[in-house]
Protein backbone atom coordinates (compact mmCIF):
# COMPACT_ATOMS: atom_id res chain seq x y z
CA MET A 1 -21.91 5.23 -36.76
CA LYS A 2 -18.88 2.92 -36.86
CA ASP A 3 -17.05 5.07 -34.32
CA LYS A 4 -19.99 4.83 -31.93
CA ARG A 5 -20.05 1.06 -32.25
CA LYS A 6 -16.35 0.90 -31.46
CA ASN A 7 -16.89 2.96 -28.34
CA ILE A 8 -19.72 0.69 -27.23
CA ALA A 9 -17.60 -2.39 -27.84
CA ARG A 10 -14.99 -1.12 -25.42
CA LEU A 11 -17.51 -0.55 -22.62
CA ILE A 12 -16.42 -2.19 -19.37
CA LEU A 13 -19.17 -3.51 -17.13
CA PRO A 14 -18.48 -3.63 -13.38
CA PHE A 15 -19.10 -7.03 -11.82
CA PHE A 16 -19.02 -7.28 -8.05
CA LEU A 17 -17.93 -10.34 -6.09
CA TYR A 18 -18.09 -11.18 -2.38
CA PHE A 19 -15.95 -13.86 -0.77
CA SER A 20 -17.54 -15.13 2.41
CA ARG A 21 -16.87 -17.81 4.98
CA HIS A 22 -20.58 -18.45 5.27
CA PRO A 23 -22.69 -20.35 2.70
CA THR A 24 -25.08 -17.93 1.00
CA PRO A 25 -27.11 -18.48 -2.19
CA PHE A 26 -25.89 -16.70 -5.32
CA SER A 27 -27.76 -13.51 -6.05
CA SER A 28 -27.73 -10.70 -8.57
CA ILE A 29 -28.62 -7.11 -7.79
CA ILE A 30 -29.19 -4.23 -10.17
CA VAL A 31 -28.23 -0.74 -9.00
CA GLU A 32 -30.63 2.11 -9.64
CA PRO A 33 -28.91 5.35 -10.73
CA ARG A 34 -28.67 8.12 -8.15
CA MET A 35 -26.70 11.32 -7.61
CA GLY A 36 -23.62 11.28 -5.45
CA LYS A 37 -20.64 13.09 -3.95
CA ASP A 38 -18.37 15.55 -5.76
CA TYR A 39 -14.90 14.19 -5.03
CA TYR A 40 -13.21 16.98 -6.98
CA LYS A 41 -14.94 19.58 -4.81
CA THR A 42 -13.94 17.67 -1.66
CA LEU A 43 -10.26 17.95 -2.59
CA GLY A 44 -10.65 21.41 -4.11
CA VAL A 45 -9.15 20.43 -7.47
CA PRO A 46 -10.36 20.81 -11.08
CA LYS A 47 -11.56 17.79 -13.05
CA ASN A 48 -8.37 17.79 -15.13
CA ALA A 49 -6.13 17.59 -12.04
CA ASN A 50 -3.16 15.26 -12.47
CA SER A 51 -1.75 12.84 -9.90
CA ASP A 52 0.63 15.45 -8.46
CA ASP A 53 -2.22 17.94 -8.04
CA LEU A 54 -4.31 15.30 -6.27
CA LYS A 55 -1.52 14.28 -3.92
CA LYS A 56 -0.66 17.89 -3.09
CA ALA A 57 -4.30 18.70 -2.33
CA TYR A 58 -4.75 15.55 -0.26
CA ARG A 59 -1.58 16.12 1.78
CA LYS A 60 -2.59 19.68 2.61
CA LEU A 61 -6.14 18.80 3.67
CA ALA A 62 -5.18 15.57 5.46
CA LEU A 63 -2.67 17.42 7.64
CA GLU A 64 -5.26 20.09 8.39
CA TYR A 65 -8.02 17.66 9.41
CA HIS A 66 -6.03 14.74 10.86
CA PRO A 67 -7.80 13.74 14.11
CA ASP A 68 -4.49 13.61 15.99
CA LYS A 69 -4.06 17.33 15.31
CA ASN A 70 -7.54 18.73 14.75
CA LYS A 71 -9.85 18.12 17.70
CA ASN A 72 -12.76 20.15 16.32
CA PRO A 73 -16.13 18.40 15.88
CA GLY A 74 -16.47 17.08 12.36
CA ALA A 75 -12.73 16.96 11.69
CA GLU A 76 -12.60 13.17 11.75
CA GLU A 77 -15.51 12.87 9.31
CA LYS A 78 -13.86 15.43 7.04
CA PHE A 79 -10.62 13.47 7.26
CA LYS A 80 -12.50 10.37 6.10
CA GLU A 81 -14.18 12.23 3.21
CA ILE A 82 -10.82 13.54 2.02
CA ALA A 83 -9.34 10.03 2.09
CA GLU A 84 -12.32 8.63 0.19
CA ALA A 85 -12.04 11.29 -2.51
CA TYR A 86 -8.31 10.73 -2.90
CA GLU A 87 -8.69 6.93 -2.99
CA VAL A 88 -11.12 7.26 -5.89
CA LEU A 89 -9.46 10.01 -7.94
CA SER A 90 -5.91 8.68 -7.53
CA ASP A 91 -6.97 5.31 -8.95
CA ASP A 92 -7.20 5.51 -12.76
CA ASN A 93 -9.85 2.80 -13.03
CA LYS A 94 -12.06 4.16 -10.26
CA ARG A 95 -11.67 7.71 -11.57
CA GLN A 96 -12.65 6.65 -15.09
CA VAL A 97 -15.83 5.00 -13.82
CA TYR A 98 -16.62 7.96 -11.56
CA ASP A 99 -16.07 10.54 -14.33
CA ARG A 100 -18.29 8.60 -16.70
CA PHE A 101 -21.07 7.27 -14.50
CA GLY A 102 -20.84 9.28 -11.30
CA GLU A 103 -21.00 7.82 -7.83
CA ASP A 104 -23.60 5.23 -8.86
CA GLY A 105 -21.26 3.72 -11.43
CA LEU A 106 -18.48 3.79 -8.88
CA LYS A 107 -20.68 2.01 -6.34
CA ALA A 108 -21.17 -0.84 -8.77
CA GLY A 109 -17.49 -1.06 -9.63
CA ALA A 110 -15.31 0.15 -6.80
CA GLY A 111 -16.44 -1.15 -3.45
CA GLY A 112 -20.03 -0.25 -2.51
CA ARG A 113 -22.74 -2.86 -2.08
CA PRO A 114 -25.09 -2.54 -5.07
CA GLY A 115 -28.72 -2.19 -4.04
CA SER A 116 -27.83 -0.70 -0.66
CA THR A 117 -30.48 1.42 0.99
CA ALA A 118 -27.84 3.98 1.92
CA GLY A 119 -28.08 7.22 -0.05
CA ARG A 120 -24.38 7.46 -0.75
CA TYR A 121 -21.41 5.36 -1.78
CA SER A 122 -19.97 3.65 1.28
CA TYR A 123 -16.21 4.10 1.60
CA HIS A 124 -14.92 0.78 2.93
CA GLY A 125 -11.29 1.82 3.23
CA ASP A 126 -9.41 3.06 6.27
CA PRO A 127 -8.60 6.82 6.15
CA ARG A 128 -5.58 6.26 8.37
CA ALA A 129 -4.32 3.60 5.98
CA THR A 130 -4.67 6.09 3.13
CA PHE A 131 -2.76 8.64 5.20
CA ALA A 132 -0.01 6.15 6.00
CA HIS A 133 0.28 5.17 2.33
CA VAL A 134 0.74 8.79 1.21
CA PHE A 135 2.90 10.05 4.09
CA GLY A 136 4.76 6.83 4.89
CA GLY A 137 3.48 6.75 8.47
CA ALA A 138 0.24 6.75 10.42
CA SER A 139 0.88 10.08 12.16
CA PRO A 140 3.50 12.79 11.54
CA PHE A 141 2.62 14.55 14.79
CA ASP A 142 4.37 12.24 17.23
CA SER A 143 8.03 11.70 16.34
CA ILE A 144 8.53 9.28 19.22
CA PHE A 145 7.53 6.42 16.94
CA ALA A 146 10.55 7.02 14.72
CA ASP A 147 12.93 6.30 17.61
CA PHE A 148 10.77 4.00 19.66
CA PHE A 149 9.70 1.35 17.16
CA GLY A 150 11.34 -0.56 14.36
CA GLY A 151 10.72 -3.70 12.35
CA VAL A 152 12.87 -6.72 13.18
CA ASP A 153 13.65 -10.01 11.51
CA PRO A 154 11.33 -12.62 13.12
CA SER A 155 14.28 -15.03 13.35
CA SER A 156 16.32 -12.61 15.48
CA SER A 157 18.04 -14.34 18.39
CA THR A 158 17.37 -11.33 20.64
CA SER A 159 13.65 -12.03 20.64
CA GLN A 160 12.17 -12.08 24.15
CA GLN A 161 8.84 -13.30 25.44
CA THR A 162 6.54 -10.61 26.79
CA ARG A 163 3.14 -10.93 28.45
CA ILE A 164 0.55 -9.18 26.30
CA PHE A 165 -3.10 -8.20 26.48
CA ILE A 166 -5.42 -8.11 23.49
CA PHE A 167 -8.43 -5.84 23.14
CA GLU A 168 -10.86 -5.53 20.26
CA ASP A 169 -12.76 -2.35 19.45
CA GLY A 170 -16.43 -2.75 20.28
CA PRO A 171 -19.31 -1.64 22.48
CA GLY A 172 -18.16 -0.89 25.98
CA GLY A 173 -14.50 -0.61 24.99
CA GLY A 174 -11.82 -2.13 27.16
CA GLY A 175 -8.81 -1.24 29.24
CA PHE A 176 -5.82 -2.42 31.20
CA PHE A 177 -5.53 -1.75 34.93
CA ALA A 178 -2.36 -2.35 36.93
CA SER A 179 -2.54 -3.68 40.47
CA GLY A 180 -0.19 -3.39 43.43
CA VAL A 181 1.41 -0.16 42.24
CA GLY A 182 0.54 2.09 45.14
CA ALA A 183 -0.32 5.69 44.40
CA MET A 184 2.09 6.13 41.48
CA ALA A 185 0.54 7.38 38.26
CA GLN A 186 1.14 5.63 34.97
CA ASP A 187 2.33 7.41 31.86
CA PRO A 188 -0.25 7.45 29.04
CA PRO A 189 -0.05 4.56 26.57
CA ILE A 190 2.17 4.82 23.52
CA GLU A 191 0.32 3.64 20.44
CA ARG A 192 1.45 2.59 17.00
CA GLU A 193 -0.65 1.36 14.10
CA LEU A 194 0.59 -1.91 12.62
CA TYR A 195 -0.55 -2.59 9.06
CA VAL A 196 -1.20 -6.20 8.09
CA SER A 197 -2.02 -7.52 4.63
CA LEU A 198 -5.25 -9.39 3.91
CA GLU A 199 -3.22 -12.47 3.01
CA GLU A 200 -1.58 -12.34 6.45
CA LEU A 201 -4.96 -11.89 8.14
CA ALA A 202 -6.30 -14.94 6.33
CA GLN A 203 -3.64 -17.20 7.86
CA GLY A 204 -2.46 -15.28 10.93
CA VAL A 205 1.03 -13.87 11.29
CA THR A 206 3.63 -12.97 13.92
CA LYS A 207 5.34 -9.59 13.60
CA SER A 208 8.62 -9.04 15.45
CA MET A 209 9.00 -5.42 16.58
CA LYS A 210 11.96 -3.80 18.30
CA ILE A 211 11.27 -1.46 21.20
CA THR A 212 13.91 1.01 22.38
CA LYS A 213 13.27 2.57 25.77
CA LYS A 214 14.99 4.39 28.63
CA VAL A 215 15.81 2.26 31.69
CA LEU A 216 16.61 3.73 35.12
CA LYS A 217 20.02 2.97 36.61
CA ASN A 218 20.78 2.81 40.34
CA ASP A 219 22.24 6.31 40.33
CA GLY A 220 19.03 7.78 38.91
CA THR A 221 20.33 8.28 35.40
CA THR A 222 18.97 6.38 32.42
CA ARG A 223 20.35 4.24 29.64
CA LYS A 224 18.80 3.07 26.40
CA GLU A 225 17.78 -0.54 26.11
CA SER A 226 16.33 -2.42 23.14
CA LYS A 227 14.22 -5.54 23.12
CA VAL A 228 12.15 -7.45 20.60
CA VAL A 229 8.47 -8.20 21.17
CA GLN A 230 6.33 -10.60 19.18
CA VAL A 231 2.99 -9.26 17.96
CA GLN A 232 0.88 -12.33 17.23
CA VAL A 233 -1.92 -11.46 14.83
CA LYS A 234 -4.67 -14.07 14.84
CA PRO A 235 -6.55 -15.07 11.65
CA GLY A 236 -9.46 -12.77 10.87
CA TRP A 237 -8.66 -10.04 13.39
CA LYS A 238 -10.54 -6.87 12.56
CA SER A 239 -8.99 -3.45 12.09
CA GLY A 240 -8.71 -1.72 15.46
CA THR A 241 -7.75 -4.79 17.49
CA LYS A 242 -5.17 -3.78 20.10
CA VAL A 243 -2.18 -5.78 21.32
CA ILE A 244 -0.87 -4.32 24.58
CA PHE A 245 2.55 -4.82 26.14
CA PRO A 246 2.17 -3.54 29.73
CA ARG A 247 4.76 -1.13 31.20
CA GLU A 248 7.24 -1.37 28.32
CA GLY A 249 7.64 2.41 27.99
CA ASP A 250 10.41 4.65 29.31
CA GLN A 251 11.22 4.29 33.02
CA ARG A 252 11.05 7.44 35.15
CA ARG A 253 11.26 8.07 38.88
CA ASN A 254 7.97 7.78 40.72
CA ARG A 255 6.11 6.90 37.51
CA ILE A 256 4.74 3.66 36.12
CA PRO A 257 6.06 3.09 32.59
CA ALA A 258 3.58 3.49 29.78
CA ASP A 259 1.95 0.52 28.08
CA ILE A 260 3.02 -0.07 24.49
CA VAL A 261 0.00 -0.58 22.25
CA PHE A 262 -0.02 -1.91 18.70
CA ILE A 263 -3.27 -1.23 16.84
CA ILE A 264 -3.89 -3.67 13.99
CA ARG A 265 -4.91 -2.04 10.71
CA ASP A 266 -5.77 -3.49 7.30
CA LYS A 267 -3.11 -2.74 4.71
CA PRO A 268 -4.67 -1.41 1.47
CA HIS A 269 -4.85 -4.16 -1.16
CA PRO A 270 -4.56 -3.63 -4.93
CA LYS A 271 -7.31 -6.15 -5.74
CA PHE A 272 -9.51 -6.68 -2.71
CA THR A 273 -11.34 -4.65 -0.10
CA ARG A 274 -12.59 -5.91 3.23
CA GLU A 275 -16.06 -5.69 4.75
CA GLY A 276 -16.12 -7.49 8.08
CA SER A 277 -15.06 -11.05 7.34
CA ASP A 278 -16.08 -10.74 3.69
CA ILE A 279 -13.54 -10.00 0.96
CA LEU A 280 -14.83 -7.94 -1.97
CA TYR A 281 -13.47 -8.19 -5.51
CA THR A 282 -14.60 -6.16 -8.53
CA ALA A 283 -14.25 -7.88 -11.90
CA LYS A 284 -14.16 -5.81 -15.08
CA VAL A 285 -16.17 -7.56 -17.77
CA THR A 286 -16.20 -6.52 -21.42
CA LEU A 287 -19.53 -5.98 -23.11
CA LYS A 288 -19.00 -9.02 -25.33
CA ASN A 289 -18.28 -11.37 -22.42
CA ALA A 290 -21.17 -9.90 -20.44
CA LEU A 291 -23.69 -10.46 -23.22
CA LEU A 292 -22.47 -14.00 -23.86
CA GLY A 293 -22.25 -14.86 -20.17
CA ASN A 294 -18.71 -16.15 -20.61
CA PRO A 295 -16.91 -17.67 -17.59
CA ILE A 296 -14.83 -15.31 -15.44
CA GLU A 297 -11.63 -16.27 -13.62
CA ILE A 298 -11.50 -14.83 -10.11
CA PRO A 299 -8.37 -14.51 -7.89
CA THR A 300 -8.50 -15.35 -4.17
CA LEU A 301 -6.38 -14.50 -1.13
CA SER A 302 -4.84 -17.97 -1.18
CA GLY A 303 -3.62 -17.49 -4.74
CA GLU A 304 -6.11 -20.01 -6.08
CA LYS A 305 -8.08 -19.08 -9.20
CA VAL A 306 -11.83 -19.72 -9.19
CA THR A 307 -13.80 -19.92 -12.45
CA LEU A 308 -17.34 -18.55 -12.32
CA LYS A 309 -19.84 -19.78 -14.89
CA PHE A 310 -23.06 -18.03 -15.84
CA LYS A 311 -26.29 -19.38 -17.34
CA GLU A 312 -27.29 -15.99 -18.72
CA SER A 313 -25.81 -12.62 -19.62
CA ILE A 314 -24.07 -10.64 -16.88
CA LYS A 315 -25.84 -7.43 -15.92
CA PRO A 316 -23.99 -4.36 -14.57
CA GLY A 317 -23.84 -4.55 -10.79
CA THR A 318 -24.32 -8.31 -10.64
CA VAL A 319 -23.22 -9.76 -7.30
CA ARG A 320 -21.97 -13.29 -6.65
CA ARG A 321 -21.06 -14.65 -3.24
CA LEU A 322 -18.52 -17.47 -2.91
CA ALA A 323 -18.61 -19.25 0.44
CA GLY A 324 -15.35 -20.27 2.10
CA TYR A 325 -13.03 -17.72 0.50
CA GLY A 326 -13.37 -14.87 3.00
CA LEU A 327 -11.55 -14.27 6.28
CA PRO A 328 -11.99 -16.55 9.31
CA ASN A 329 -14.26 -15.36 12.09
CA PRO A 330 -11.79 -14.29 14.83
CA ARG A 331 -14.17 -15.62 17.50
CA ASP A 332 -14.36 -19.13 16.01
C-alpha cells in the first residue's frame, strides 16, 4: 500500500497554457479520454526502442516519403505522420505521457487543444523543421543550397541593398512576374527554408545571407560572384512567408536568372509551440501542487516570469490564456 501511495505522489498532471495577444477570459477545459494513434507502428519500431532506433527508423522513412522526392499522393501526409511520431517518441517527457495515458494524455500535455472536437491529437509542429533538425538541412535532394547559400555576420561591410518581394501563404497564392524581358524564359526559382526562433519572431529580426552565383562575362564565360542580402523578418510572420530576391540566380545566355526565395519557418522550441499568433506552454504540475492550487511560475518569450494563482485545485487539462504574451499580428 505504501508503494502505491508513493507512485501516486509522483504523478505529474499536465497543465496547458496559451499566450495570446488578444484579451480572452480565463477558462478551464477537461479532456475526455479517447483512443489515438500508434506512434510506434507509424515508425515501425517496438515499444522498447531506444533513441538510436527511433532516429534510424525516422531517417529511413523520412527520406522515403519526403515530398521533394516522393510525388505520390499521400506521401506528404505520411511525411507529416512520421515527423509527429518521431517528435513524440524522441522526447522523453512526451513519450512517458504517451506510454502511460495514450494519445489523450499526450493531448493534454504535449501540444493539442484539450476539449477539441477533432478525433485525433493535432500535431502543431512543422515536419520540415523536424527533418531539418535530424538531417541538418531542409532537403538533402538539392545540393545547390550547400554552395549557393551561407550565413553571414549581419555587420559585414560587404552587405548590399537588394529589392525584395514578400509573399505570405494563403488562399489564392501569389507570384512574381517580370516585365520588359521580351520572350526570354526565366529559370525556376531557387528556394531555401530559413528557420527563425520564436523569440526572433516576437521582436522581428534581420538575417544576413551570402549568395554565390555565376555571372556572365563579355566573352560568354562565367565567373563566381558573392553578395550579401538582408532578409528582414517582420514580427509575427507566419511559417511559409516568402521573401523573394528577383533575378539573383546564376546568369546564363538567353535566360532570365532565377529568383532567390527564402521561406520563413518556425524553429522548433524546447519550451513553446506555436498556433497562429498564440504561443502554447505546457506546465508539469505535481499532484500535491495541483490539489492545493499552488501558484505556478510561467516563462515567456521575453524572458519574463509570470506567476499564475489559482482559487481552487488544478484539474488535468486545465487551460489558462494570458493576453499580451503571444506573437504580434503581422497585419497590425
